[in-house]
Amino acid sequence: MPKKNSLCCLPFQFVRFLVVGLGNTIFSYTVFAAFIWLGFPYKYASLLSLVLGIFFSFYMQRRWVFRRAQPAAIYKFILTWCLLYGLNVLIISFLISKNLNAYLAGAIAVIPVTLLSFFILKLAVFGLNKPLLSPLLIQKKL
């Protein structure tokens, strides 16, 4: 009988990961739009949206996607996203140097960065072999 946290769970976790990504995109844009509506300059609205989006994403991935209870992993999470951001910019820059426009380059870069982010978060940030939280325990804490 496979363990709950074995590789057999990858498809389900990846779907949850994508759902959280979509939810985070909606959340972050809503925060950005709200700050713009409140009169904040777009640079500050974007920064606040990014910071709140990171915390929202961390919380949802920690609780729902990977089901790990390690709040201190936020530091690894932030470092991971800084590195992934750098990789994303490098991929886009490379594709633009090959005469792709920025829109297409950005769309293409999403694929490897999303896949890599899932595995880095699963293995390095939230840990593959750490015990899973019980779904009942998660519901009680929410």
C-alpha atoms as a PDB file:
ATOM      1  CA  MET A   1       0.000   0.000   0.000  1.00  0.00           C
ATOM      2  CA  PRO A   2       1.583   3.329  -1.044  1.00  0.00           C
ATOM      3  CA  LYS A   3       2.219   6.027   1.517  1.00  0.00           C
ATOM      4  CA  LYS A   4      -0.027   9.100   1.483  1.00  0.00           C
ATOM      5  CA  ASN A   5       2.878  11.344   0.576  1.00  0.00           C
ATOM      6  CA  SER A   6       4.349   9.123  -2.153  1.00  0.00           C
ATOM      7  CA  LEU A   7       4.682  10.039  -5.792  1.00  0.00           C
ATOM      8  CA  CYS A   8       1.227   8.601  -6.535  1.00  0.00           C
ATOM      9  CA  CYS A   9      -0.240  11.821  -5.142  1.00  0.00           C
ATOM     10  CA  LEU A  10       1.556  14.046  -7.664  1.00  0.00           C
ATOM     11  CA  PRO A  11      -1.314  14.486 -10.170  1.00  0.00           C
ATOM     12  CA  PHE A  12      -3.742  15.519  -7.420  1.00  0.00           C
ATOM     13  CA  GLN A  13      -1.249  17.851  -5.785  1.00  0.00           C
ATOM     14  CA  PHE A  14      -0.353  19.400  -9.121  1.00  0.00           C
ATOM     15  CA  VAL A  15      -4.026  20.121  -9.882  1.00  0.00           C
ATOM     16  CA  ARG A  16      -4.410  21.723  -6.435  1.00  0.00           C
ATOM     17  CA  PHE A  17      -1.182  23.661  -7.107  1.00  0.00           C
ATOM     18  CA  LEU A  18      -2.631  25.024 -10.353  1.00  0.00           C
ATOM     19  CA  VAL A  19      -5.927  25.924  -8.625  1.00  0.00           C
ATOM     20  CA  VAL A  20      -4.018  27.817  -5.930  1.00  0.00           C
ATOM     21  CA  GLY A  21      -1.998  29.566  -8.649  1.00  0.00           C
ATOM     22  CA  LEU A  22      -5.177  30.674 -10.378  1.00  0.00           C
ATOM     23  CA  GLY A  23      -6.685  31.770  -7.064  1.00  0.00           C
ATOM     24  CA  ASN A  24      -3.519  33.660  -6.197  1.00  0.00           C
ATOM     25  CA  THR A  25      -3.577  35.433  -9.552  1.00  0.00           C
ATOM     26  CA  ILE A  26      -7.173  36.546  -8.954  1.00  0.00           C
ATOM     27  CA  PHE A  27      -6.382  37.542  -5.362  1.00  0.00           C
ATOM     28  CA  SER A  28      -3.239  39.489  -6.335  1.00  0.00           C
ATOM     29  CA  TYR A  29      -4.936  41.345  -9.158  1.00  0.00           C
ATOM     30  CA  THR A  30      -7.892  42.212  -6.919  1.00  0.00           C
ATOM     31  CA  VAL A  31      -5.493  43.607  -4.300  1.00  0.00           C
ATOM     32  CA  PHE A  32      -3.632  45.546  -7.009  1.00  0.00           C
ATOM     33  CA  ALA A  33      -6.877  46.998  -8.403  1.00  0.00           C
ATOM     34  CA  ALA A  34      -8.108  47.891  -4.909  1.00  0.00           C
ATOM     35  CA  PHE A  35      -4.915  49.820  -4.135  1.00  0.00           C
ATOM     36  CA  ILE A  36      -5.109  51.613  -7.492  1.00  0.00           C
ATOM     37  CA  TRP A  37      -8.742  52.498  -6.728  1.00  0.00           C
ATOM     38  CA  LEU A  38      -7.628  53.833  -3.319  1.00  0.00           C
ATOM     39  CA  GLY A  39      -5.186  56.153  -5.118  1.00  0.00           C
ATOM     40  CA  PHE A  40      -1.899  54.334  -4.596  1.00  0.00           C
ATOM     41  CA  PRO A  41       0.734  54.756  -7.337  1.00  0.00           C
ATOM     42  CA  TYR A  42       0.926  51.608  -9.487  1.00  0.00           C
ATOM     43  CA  LYS A  43       4.450  50.776  -8.236  1.00  0.00           C
ATOM     44  CA  TYR A  44       3.271  50.602  -4.621  1.00  0.00           C
ATOM     45  CA  ALA A  45       0.044  48.839  -5.570  1.00  0.00           C
ATOM     46  CA  SER A  46       2.095  46.235  -7.426  1.00  0.00           C
ATOM     47  CA  LEU A  47       4.534  45.769  -4.540  1.00  0.00           C
ATOM     48  CA  LEU A  48       1.749  45.370  -1.964  1.00  0.00           C
ATOM     49  CA  SER A  49      -0.081  42.998  -4.281  1.00  0.00           C
ATOM     50  CA  LEU A  50       3.084  40.908  -4.685  1.00  0.00           C
ATOM     51  CA  VAL A  51       3.808  40.732  -0.952  1.00  0.00           C
ATOM     52  CA  LEU A  52       0.223  39.865   0.004  1.00  0.00           C
ATOM     53  CA  GLY A  53       0.079  37.379  -2.894  1.00  0.00           C
ATOM     54  CA  ILE A  54       3.202  35.605  -1.612  1.00  0.00           C
ATOM     55  CA  PHE A  55       1.665  35.190   1.836  1.00  0.00           C
ATOM     56  CA  PHE A  56      -1.688  34.092   0.397  1.00  0.00           C
ATOM     57  CA  SER A  57       0.023  31.569  -1.873  1.00  0.00           C
ATOM     58  CA  PHE A  58       2.244  30.252   0.936  1.00  0.00           C
ATOM     59  CA  TYR A  59      -0.714  29.769   3.254  1.00  0.00           C
ATOM     60  CA  MET A  60      -2.831  27.988   0.622  1.00  0.00           C
ATOM     61  CA  GLN A  61       0.009  25.780  -0.591  1.00  0.00           C
ATOM     62  CA  ARG A  62       1.046  24.919   2.948  1.00  0.00           C
ATOM     63  CA  ARG A  63      -2.492  24.059   4.012  1.00  0.00           C
ATOM     64  CA  TRP A  64      -4.204  22.707   0.913  1.00  0.00           C
ATOM     65  CA  VAL A  65      -1.659  21.650  -1.712  1.00  0.00           C
ATOM     66  CA  PHE A  66       1.159  20.066   0.275  1.00  0.00           C
ATOM     67  CA  ARG A  67      -0.576  19.887   3.685  1.00  0.00           C
ATOM     68  CA  ARG A  68       2.498  20.634   5.729  1.00  0.00           C
ATOM     69  CA  ALA A  69       2.495  22.539   9.018  1.00  0.00           C
ATOM     70  CA  GLN A  70       5.817  24.377   8.928  1.00  0.00           C
ATOM     71  CA  PRO A  71       5.239  28.136   9.107  1.00  0.00           C
ATOM     72  CA  ALA A  72       9.019  28.759   9.145  1.00  0.00           C
ATOM     73  CA  ALA A  73       9.151  27.434   5.566  1.00  0.00           C
ATOM     74  CA  ILE A  74       8.047  30.932   4.475  1.00  0.00           C
ATOM     75  CA  TYR A  75      11.733  31.887   4.220  1.00  0.00           C
ATOM     76  CA  LYS A  76      12.486  29.025   1.816  1.00  0.00           C
ATOM     77  CA  PHE A  77       9.276  29.856  -0.044  1.00  0.00           C
ATOM     78  CA  ILE A  78      10.296  33.491  -0.581  1.00  0.00           C
ATOM     79  CA  LEU A  79      13.851  32.503  -1.593  1.00  0.00           C
ATOM     80  CA  THR A  80      12.458  29.926  -4.028  1.00  0.00           C
ATOM     81  CA  TRP A  81      10.213  32.501  -5.681  1.00  0.00           C
ATOM     82  CA  CYS A  82      13.098  34.980  -5.964  1.00  0.00           C
ATOM     83  CA  LEU A  83      15.137  32.311  -7.773  1.00  0.00           C
ATOM     84  CA  LEU A  84      12.174  31.318  -9.945  1.00  0.00           C
ATOM     85  CA  TYR A  85      11.618  34.962 -10.826  1.00  0.00           C
ATOM     86  CA  GLY A  86      15.252  35.185 -11.957  1.00  0.00           C
ATOM     87  CA  LEU A  87      14.872  32.027 -14.033  1.00  0.00           C
ATOM     88  CA  ASN A  88      11.665  33.365 -15.562  1.00  0.00           C
ATOM     89  CA  VAL A  89      13.398  36.595 -16.592  1.00  0.00           C
ATOM     90  CA  LEU A  90      16.325  34.632 -18.062  1.00  0.00           C
ATOM     91  CA  ILE A  91      14.008  32.417 -20.122  1.00  0.00           C
ATOM     92  CA  ILE A  92      12.029  35.411 -21.380  1.00  0.00           C
ATOM     93  CA  SER A  93      15.227  37.290 -22.196  1.00  0.00           C
ATOM     94  CA  PHE A  94      16.602  34.297 -24.098  1.00  0.00           C
ATOM     95  CA  LEU A  95      13.389  33.869 -26.089  1.00  0.00           C
ATOM     96  CA  ILE A  96      13.256  37.575 -26.921  1.00  0.00           C
ATOM     97  CA  SER A  97      16.850  37.338 -28.172  1.00  0.00           C
ATOM     98  CA  LYS A  98      15.561  34.645 -30.566  1.00  0.00           C
ATOM     99  CA  ASN A  99      13.085  37.187 -31.991  1.00  0.00           C
ATOM    100  CA  LEU A 100       9.973  36.138 -30.063  1.00  0.00           C
ATOM    101  CA  ASN A 101       7.861  38.980 -28.754  1.00  0.00           C
ATOM    102  CA  ALA A 102       7.619  39.514 -24.995  1.00  0.00           C
ATOM    103  CA  TYR A 103       4.014  38.255 -24.820  1.00  0.00           C
ATOM    104  CA  LEU A 104       4.830  34.910 -26.412  1.00  0.00           C
ATOM    105  CA  ALA A 105       8.117  34.600 -24.530  1.00  0.00           C
ATOM    106  CA  GLY A 106       6.320  35.178 -21.232  1.00  0.00           C
ATOM    107  CA  ALA A 107       3.628  32.635 -22.101  1.00  0.00           C
ATOM    108  CA  ILE A 108       6.247  30.016 -23.004  1.00  0.00           C
ATOM    109  CA  ALA A 109       8.269  30.693 -19.845  1.00  0.00           C
ATOM    110  CA  VAL A 110       5.228  29.967 -17.673  1.00  0.00           C
ATOM    111  CA  ILE A 111       5.396  26.264 -18.541  1.00  0.00           C
ATOM    112  CA  PRO A 112       8.890  25.336 -17.292  1.00  0.00           C
ATOM    113  CA  VAL A 113       8.747  27.779 -14.384  1.00  0.00           C
ATOM    114  CA  THR A 114       5.406  26.380 -13.178  1.00  0.00           C
ATOM    115  CA  LEU A 115       6.607  22.776 -13.412  1.00  0.00           C
ATOM    116  CA  LEU A 116       9.900  23.565 -11.716  1.00  0.00           C
ATOM    117  CA  SER A 117       8.194  25.596  -8.987  1.00  0.00           C
ATOM    118  CA  PHE A 118       5.883  22.680  -8.148  1.00  0.00           C
ATOM    119  CA  PHE A 119       8.757  20.255  -7.654  1.00  0.00           C
ATOM    120  CA  ILE A 120      10.989  22.710  -5.788  1.00  0.00           C
ATOM    121  CA  LEU A 121       8.150  23.648  -3.449  1.00  0.00           C
ATOM    122  CA  LYS A 122       7.188  20.001  -2.956  1.00  0.00           C
ATOM    123  CA  LEU A 123      10.702  18.721  -2.301  1.00  0.00           C
ATOM    124  CA  ALA A 124      12.699  21.627  -0.866  1.00  0.00           C
ATOM    125  CA  VAL A 125      10.184  23.949   0.778  1.00  0.00           C
ATOM    126  CA  PHE A 126       7.395  21.749   2.081  1.00  0.00           C
ATOM    127  CA  GLY A 127       9.364  18.498   2.181  1.00  0.00           C
ATOM    128  CA  LEU A 128       8.445  15.204   0.530  1.00  0.00           C
ATOM    129  CA  ASN A 129       8.964  12.995   3.566  1.00  0.00           C
ATOM    130  CA  LYS A 130       7.520  15.117   6.340  1.00  0.00           C
ATOM    131  CA  PRO A 131       4.235  13.912   7.852  1.00  0.00           C
ATOM    132  CA  LEU A 132       1.037  15.143   6.305  1.00  0.00           C
ATOM    133  CA  LEU A 133      -1.507  17.021   8.340  1.00  0.00           C
ATOM    134  CA  SER A 134      -4.780  15.253   8.770  1.00  0.00           C
ATOM    135  CA  PRO A 135      -7.537  16.868   6.649  1.00  0.00           C
ATOM    136  CA  LEU A 136      -9.679  17.017   9.822  1.00  0.00           C
ATOM    137  CA  LEU A 137      -6.924  18.852  11.690  1.00  0.00           C
ATOM    138  CA  ILE A 138      -6.588  21.319   8.825  1.00  0.00           C
ATOM    139  CA  GLN A 139     -10.322  22.025   8.860  1.00  0.00           C
ATOM    140  CA  LYS A 140     -10.279  22.623  12.627  1.00  0.00           C
ATOM    141  CA  LYS A 141      -7.434  25.137  12.290  1.00  0.00           C
ATOM    142  CA  LEU A 142      -9.079  26.989   9.404  1.00  0.00           C
END
